[in-house]
Amino acid sequence: MDLGDMVVIDNPGHHLYGCVGKIVGRRGNRAPDDFWILVYIVSKMRDYLIPQSMLRLEKKEKLQS
């Protein structure tokens, strides 16, 4: 996951489960292999610190011609 990637909150225990956002920063380790990711959520118009383990990249469907 890099800056500018669109992600989905993919943990049912998170209060923003299913929301789509854009990665705007990285803020250090939560656990040895789990970073805090700063995600801007468009629908809420603010950013949140969310563990990387609770995120997945948003898949974009290809248009068929």
PDB file of N, CA and C in Angstrom:
ATOM      1  N   MET A   1       0.839  -1.175   0.000  1.00  0.00           N
ATOM      2  CA  MET A   1       0.000   0.000   0.000  1.00  0.00           C
ATOM      3  C   MET A   1       0.889   1.244   0.000  1.00  0.00           C
ATOM      4  N   ASP A   2       0.609   2.133  -0.931  1.00  0.00           N
ATOM      5  CA  ASP A   2       1.396   3.354  -1.084  1.00  0.00           C
ATOM      6  C   ASP A   2       0.505   4.581  -0.937  1.00  0.00           C
ATOM      7  N   LEU A   3       1.137   5.726  -0.799  1.00  0.00           N
ATOM      8  CA  LEU A   3       0.382   6.977  -0.732  1.00  0.00           C
ATOM      9  C   LEU A   3      -0.468   7.139  -1.983  1.00  0.00           C
ATOM     10  N   GLY A   4      -1.694   7.556  -1.811  1.00  0.00           N
ATOM     11  CA  GLY A   4      -2.595   7.779  -2.935  1.00  0.00           C
ATOM     12  C   GLY A   4      -3.449   6.581  -3.307  1.00  0.00           C
ATOM     13  N   ASP A   5      -3.146   5.396  -2.781  1.00  0.00           N
ATOM     14  CA  ASP A   5      -3.952   4.205  -3.079  1.00  0.00           C
ATOM     15  C   ASP A   5      -5.328   4.330  -2.430  1.00  0.00           C
ATOM     16  N   MET A   6      -6.329   3.837  -3.113  1.00  0.00           N
ATOM     17  CA  MET A   6      -7.683   3.788  -2.566  1.00  0.00           C
ATOM     18  C   MET A   6      -7.831   2.463  -1.829  1.00  0.00           C
ATOM     19  N   VAL A   7      -8.355   2.532  -0.609  1.00  0.00           N
ATOM     20  CA  VAL A   7      -8.490   1.351   0.240  1.00  0.00           C
ATOM     21  C   VAL A   7      -9.908   1.260   0.797  1.00  0.00           C
ATOM     22  N   VAL A   8     -10.254   0.056   1.249  1.00  0.00           N
ATOM     23  CA  VAL A   8     -11.538  -0.215   1.885  1.00  0.00           C
ATOM     24  C   VAL A   8     -11.248  -0.742   3.286  1.00  0.00           C
ATOM     25  N   ILE A   9     -11.998  -0.281   4.276  1.00  0.00           N
ATOM     26  CA  ILE A   9     -11.858  -0.801   5.625  1.00  0.00           C
ATOM     27  C   ILE A   9     -12.548  -2.155   5.648  1.00  0.00           C
ATOM     28  N   ASP A  10     -11.762  -3.198   5.920  1.00  0.00           N
ATOM     29  CA  ASP A  10     -12.201  -4.574   5.709  1.00  0.00           C
ATOM     30  C   ASP A  10     -12.259  -5.384   7.004  1.00  0.00           C
ATOM     31  N   ASN A  11     -12.560  -4.736   8.116  1.00  0.00           N
ATOM     32  CA  ASN A  11     -12.668  -5.436   9.392  1.00  0.00           C
ATOM     33  C   ASN A  11     -14.044  -5.155   9.979  1.00  0.00           C
ATOM     34  N   PRO A  12     -14.887  -6.188  10.121  1.00  0.00           N
ATOM     35  CA  PRO A  12     -16.253  -5.973  10.619  1.00  0.00           C
ATOM     36  C   PRO A  12     -16.311  -5.351  12.012  1.00  0.00           C
ATOM     37  N   GLY A  13     -15.230  -5.432  12.775  1.00  0.00           N
ATOM     38  CA  GLY A  13     -15.224  -4.840  14.107  1.00  0.00           C
ATOM     39  C   GLY A  13     -14.958  -3.344  14.117  1.00  0.00           C
ATOM     40  N   HIS A  14     -14.555  -2.776  12.983  1.00  0.00           N
ATOM     41  CA  HIS A  14     -14.258  -1.344  12.908  1.00  0.00           C
ATOM     42  C   HIS A  14     -15.543  -0.572  12.638  1.00  0.00           C
ATOM     43  N   HIS A  15     -15.698   0.570  13.290  1.00  0.00           N
ATOM     44  CA  HIS A  15     -16.947   1.339  13.130  1.00  0.00           C
ATOM     45  C   HIS A  15     -17.111   1.945  11.737  1.00  0.00           C
ATOM     46  N   LEU A  16     -16.066   1.975  10.932  1.00  0.00           N
ATOM     47  CA  LEU A  16     -16.153   2.484   9.559  1.00  0.00           C
ATOM     48  C   LEU A  16     -16.077   1.354   8.522  1.00  0.00           C
ATOM     49  N   TYR A  17     -16.424   0.141   8.933  1.00  0.00           N
ATOM     50  CA  TYR A  17     -16.355  -1.032   8.054  1.00  0.00           C
ATOM     51  C   TYR A  17     -17.070  -0.756   6.724  1.00  0.00           C
ATOM     52  N   GLY A  18     -16.381  -1.022   5.627  1.00  0.00           N
ATOM     53  CA  GLY A  18     -16.954  -0.848   4.299  1.00  0.00           C
ATOM     54  C   GLY A  18     -16.710   0.509   3.677  1.00  0.00           C
ATOM     55  N   CYS A  19     -16.214   1.473   4.434  1.00  0.00           N
ATOM     56  CA  CYS A  19     -15.950   2.809   3.888  1.00  0.00           C
ATOM     57  C   CYS A  19     -14.709   2.783   2.999  1.00  0.00           C
ATOM     58  N   VAL A  20     -14.735   3.623   1.979  1.00  0.00           N
ATOM     59  CA  VAL A  20     -13.624   3.740   1.040  1.00  0.00           C
ATOM     60  C   VAL A  20     -12.877   5.032   1.337  1.00  0.00           C
ATOM     61  N   GLY A  21     -11.551   4.957   1.281  1.00  0.00           N
ATOM     62  CA  GLY A  21     -10.746   6.147   1.536  1.00  0.00           C
ATOM     63  C   GLY A  21      -9.444   6.112   0.754  1.00  0.00           C
ATOM     64  N   LYS A  22      -8.688   7.190   0.905  1.00  0.00           N
ATOM     65  CA  LYS A  22      -7.422   7.344   0.204  1.00  0.00           C
ATOM     66  C   LYS A  22      -6.305   7.443   1.235  1.00  0.00           C
ATOM     67  N   ILE A  23      -5.210   6.709   1.006  1.00  0.00           N
ATOM     68  CA  ILE A  23      -4.068   6.754   1.916  1.00  0.00           C
ATOM     69  C   ILE A  23      -3.359   8.092   1.743  1.00  0.00           C
ATOM     70  N   VAL A  24      -3.217   8.823   2.865  1.00  0.00           N
ATOM     71  CA  VAL A  24      -2.549  10.117   2.824  1.00  0.00           C
ATOM     72  C   VAL A  24      -1.302  10.159   3.703  1.00  0.00           C
ATOM     73  N   GLY A  25      -1.036   9.084   4.445  1.00  0.00           N
ATOM     74  CA  GLY A  25       0.163   9.062   5.281  1.00  0.00           C
ATOM     75  C   GLY A  25       0.354   7.750   6.003  1.00  0.00           C
ATOM     76  N   ARG A  26       1.537   7.628   6.615  1.00  0.00           N
ATOM     77  CA  ARG A  26       1.884   6.449   7.409  1.00  0.00           C
ATOM     78  C   ARG A  26       2.467   6.972   8.714  1.00  0.00           C
ATOM     79  N   ARG A  27       2.047   6.416   9.844  1.00  0.00           N
ATOM     80  CA  ARG A  27       2.392   7.001  11.126  1.00  0.00           C
ATOM     81  C   ARG A  27       3.125   6.096  12.100  1.00  0.00           C
ATOM     82  N   GLY A  28       3.825   5.087  11.658  1.00  0.00           N
ATOM     83  CA  GLY A  28       4.614   4.263  12.577  1.00  0.00           C
ATOM     84  C   GLY A  28       3.995   2.902  12.825  1.00  0.00           C
ATOM     85  N   ASN A  29       4.645   2.141  13.703  1.00  0.00           N
ATOM     86  CA  ASN A  29       4.236   0.756  13.951  1.00  0.00           C
ATOM     87  C   ASN A  29       3.180   0.643  15.029  1.00  0.00           C
ATOM     88  N   ARG A  30       2.178  -0.163  14.779  1.00  0.00           N
ATOM     89  CA  ARG A  30       1.204  -0.575  15.791  1.00  0.00           C
ATOM     90  C   ARG A  30       1.701  -1.871  16.415  1.00  0.00           C
ATOM     91  N   ALA A  31       2.181  -2.738  15.568  1.00  0.00           N
ATOM     92  CA  ALA A  31       2.809  -4.013  15.933  1.00  0.00           C
ATOM     93  C   ALA A  31       4.010  -4.165  14.984  1.00  0.00           C
ATOM     94  N   PRO A  32       4.871  -5.157  15.176  1.00  0.00           N
ATOM     95  CA  PRO A  32       6.064  -5.252  14.325  1.00  0.00           C
ATOM     96  C   PRO A  32       5.804  -5.193  12.813  1.00  0.00           C
ATOM     97  N   ASP A  33       4.755  -5.830  12.323  1.00  0.00           N
ATOM     98  CA  ASP A  33       4.475  -5.803  10.880  1.00  0.00           C
ATOM     99  C   ASP A  33       3.141  -5.152  10.551  1.00  0.00           C
ATOM    100  N   ASP A  34       2.680  -4.249  11.393  1.00  0.00           N
ATOM    101  CA  ASP A  34       1.377  -3.611  11.196  1.00  0.00           C
ATOM    102  C   ASP A  34       1.520  -2.105  11.440  1.00  0.00           C
ATOM    103  N   PHE A  35       1.441  -1.322  10.362  1.00  0.00           N
ATOM    104  CA  PHE A  35       1.602   0.121  10.448  1.00  0.00           C
ATOM    105  C   PHE A  35       0.272   0.829  10.704  1.00  0.00           C
ATOM    106  N   TRP A  36       0.326   1.990  11.338  1.00  0.00           N
ATOM    107  CA  TRP A  36      -0.819   2.894  11.397  1.00  0.00           C
ATOM    108  C   TRP A  36      -0.844   3.638  10.071  1.00  0.00           C
ATOM    109  N   ILE A  37      -1.961   3.622   9.391  1.00  0.00           N
ATOM    110  CA  ILE A  37      -2.118   4.279   8.098  1.00  0.00           C
ATOM    111  C   ILE A  37      -3.119   5.420   8.265  1.00  0.00           C
ATOM    112  N   LEU A  38      -2.762   6.601   7.762  1.00  0.00           N
ATOM    113  CA  LEU A  38      -3.664   7.742   7.798  1.00  0.00           C
ATOM    114  C   LEU A  38      -4.507   7.711   6.526  1.00  0.00           C
ATOM    115  N   VAL A  39      -5.818   7.547   6.687  1.00  0.00           N
ATOM    116  CA  VAL A  39      -6.730   7.368   5.560  1.00  0.00           C
ATOM    117  C   VAL A  39      -7.762   8.496   5.572  1.00  0.00           C
ATOM    118  N   TYR A  40      -7.891   9.181   4.428  1.00  0.00           N
ATOM    119  CA  TYR A  40      -8.915  10.208   4.277  1.00  0.00           C
ATOM    120  C   TYR A  40     -10.189   9.536   3.763  1.00  0.00           C
ATOM    121  N   ILE A  41     -11.258   9.599   4.574  1.00  0.00           N
ATOM    122  CA  ILE A  41     -12.546   9.002   4.209  1.00  0.00           C
ATOM    123  C   ILE A  41     -13.421  10.117   3.623  1.00  0.00           C
ATOM    124  N   VAL A  42     -13.734  10.014   2.343  1.00  0.00           N
ATOM    125  CA  VAL A  42     -14.465  11.065   1.639  1.00  0.00           C
ATOM    126  C   VAL A  42     -15.864  11.255   2.210  1.00  0.00           C
ATOM    127  N   SER A  43     -16.562  10.166   2.522  1.00  0.00           N
ATOM    128  CA  SER A  43     -17.945  10.284   2.999  1.00  0.00           C
ATOM    129  C   SER A  43     -18.033  10.988   4.357  1.00  0.00           C
ATOM    130  N   LYS A  44     -16.973  10.920   5.151  1.00  0.00           N
ATOM    131  CA  LYS A  44     -16.933  11.580   6.466  1.00  0.00           C
ATOM    132  C   LYS A  44     -16.199  12.914   6.418  1.00  0.00           C
ATOM    133  N   MET A  45     -15.503  13.172   5.312  1.00  0.00           N
ATOM    134  CA  MET A  45     -14.722  14.393   5.092  1.00  0.00           C
ATOM    135  C   MET A  45     -13.699  14.639   6.199  1.00  0.00           C
ATOM    136  N   ARG A  46     -13.017  13.585   6.624  1.00  0.00           N
ATOM    137  CA  ARG A  46     -11.927  13.700   7.596  1.00  0.00           C
ATOM    138  C   ARG A  46     -11.021  12.489   7.484  1.00  0.00           C
ATOM    139  N   ASP A  47      -9.882  12.560   8.158  1.00  0.00           N
ATOM    140  CA  ASP A  47      -8.944  11.439   8.095  1.00  0.00           C
ATOM    141  C   ASP A  47      -8.884  10.705   9.427  1.00  0.00           C
ATOM    142  N   TYR A  48      -8.530   9.424   9.341  1.00  0.00           N
ATOM    143  CA  TYR A  48      -8.504   8.528  10.492  1.00  0.00           C
ATOM    144  C   TYR A  48      -7.218   7.722  10.457  1.00  0.00           C
ATOM    145  N   LEU A  49      -6.683   7.402  11.635  1.00  0.00           N
ATOM    146  CA  LEU A  49      -5.576   6.465  11.751  1.00  0.00           C
ATOM    147  C   LEU A  49      -6.162   5.064  11.886  1.00  0.00           C
ATOM    148  N   ILE A  50      -5.809   4.199  10.942  1.00  0.00           N
ATOM    149  CA  ILE A  50      -6.364   2.851  10.899  1.00  0.00           C
ATOM    150  C   ILE A  50      -5.206   1.872  10.717  1.00  0.00           C
ATOM    151  N   PRO A  51      -5.189   0.780  11.470  1.00  0.00           N
ATOM    152  CA  PRO A  51      -4.125  -0.217  11.279  1.00  0.00           C
ATOM    153  C   PRO A  51      -4.168  -0.815   9.867  1.00  0.00           C
ATOM    154  N   GLN A  52      -3.004  -1.030   9.302  1.00  0.00           N
ATOM    155  CA  GLN A  52      -2.909  -1.585   7.949  1.00  0.00           C
ATOM    156  C   GLN A  52      -3.605  -2.932   7.843  1.00  0.00           C
ATOM    157  N   SER A  53      -3.611  -3.707   8.926  1.00  0.00           N
ATOM    158  CA  SER A  53      -4.236  -5.030   8.902  1.00  0.00           C
ATOM    159  C   SER A  53      -5.751  -4.959   8.717  1.00  0.00           C
ATOM    160  N   MET A  54      -6.355  -3.794   8.928  1.00  0.00           N
ATOM    161  CA  MET A  54      -7.798  -3.637   8.763  1.00  0.00           C
ATOM    162  C   MET A  54      -8.173  -3.076   7.392  1.00  0.00           C
ATOM    163  N   LEU A  55      -7.184  -2.908   6.524  1.00  0.00           N
ATOM    164  CA  LEU A  55      -7.425  -2.308   5.205  1.00  0.00           C
ATOM    165  C   LEU A  55      -7.143  -3.309   4.098  1.00  0.00           C
ATOM    166  N   ARG A  56      -7.809  -3.101   2.970  1.00  0.00           N
ATOM    167  CA  ARG A  56      -7.463  -3.825   1.746  1.00  0.00           C
ATOM    168  C   ARG A  56      -7.559  -2.850   0.590  1.00  0.00           C
ATOM    169  N   LEU A  57      -6.798  -3.102  -0.470  1.00  0.00           N
ATOM    170  CA  LEU A  57      -6.841  -2.238  -1.644  1.00  0.00           C
ATOM    171  C   LEU A  57      -8.198  -2.373  -2.319  1.00  0.00           C
ATOM    172  N   GLU A  58      -8.696  -1.244  -2.806  1.00  0.00           N
ATOM    173  CA  GLU A  58      -9.972  -1.256  -3.526  1.00  0.00           C
ATOM    174  C   GLU A  58      -9.731  -1.818  -4.919  1.00  0.00           C
ATOM    175  N   LYS A  59     -10.582  -2.744  -5.327  1.00  0.00           N
ATOM    176  CA  LYS A  59     -10.472  -3.330  -6.647  1.00  0.00           C
ATOM    177  C   LYS A  59     -11.367  -2.555  -7.603  1.00  0.00           C
ATOM    178  N   LYS A  60     -10.821  -2.180  -8.738  1.00  0.00           N
ATOM    179  CA  LYS A  60     -11.608  -1.479  -9.745  1.00  0.00           C
ATOM    180  C   LYS A  60     -11.945  -2.471 -10.851  1.00  0.00           C
ATOM    181  N   GLU A  61     -13.200  -2.501 -11.219  1.00  0.00           N
ATOM    182  CA  GLU A  61     -13.635  -3.418 -12.267  1.00  0.00           C
ATOM    183  C   GLU A  61     -13.275  -2.831 -13.624  1.00  0.00           C
ATOM    184  N   LYS A  62     -12.806  -3.706 -14.507  1.00  0.00           N
ATOM    185  CA  LYS A  62     -12.462  -3.285 -15.854  1.00  0.00           C
ATOM    186  C   LYS A  62     -13.728  -3.212 -16.702  1.00  0.00           C
ATOM    187  N   LEU A  63     -13.802  -2.176 -17.530  1.00  0.00           N
ATOM    188  CA  LEU A  63     -14.934  -2.044 -18.442  1.00  0.00           C
ATOM    189  C   LEU A  63     -14.681  -2.928 -19.657  1.00  0.00           C
ATOM    190  N   GLN A  64     -15.695  -3.672 -20.055  1.00  0.00           N
ATOM    191  CA  GLN A  64     -15.563  -4.528 -21.222  1.00  0.00           C
ATOM    192  C   GLN A  64     -16.152  -3.816 -22.430  1.00  0.00           C
ATOM    193  N   SER A  65     -15.401  -3.840 -23.533  1.00  0.00           N
ATOM    194  CA  SER A  65     -15.860  -3.161 -24.753  1.00  0.00           C
ATOM    195  C   SER A  65     -16.454  -4.149 -25.722  1.00  0.00           C
TER     196      SER A  65
END
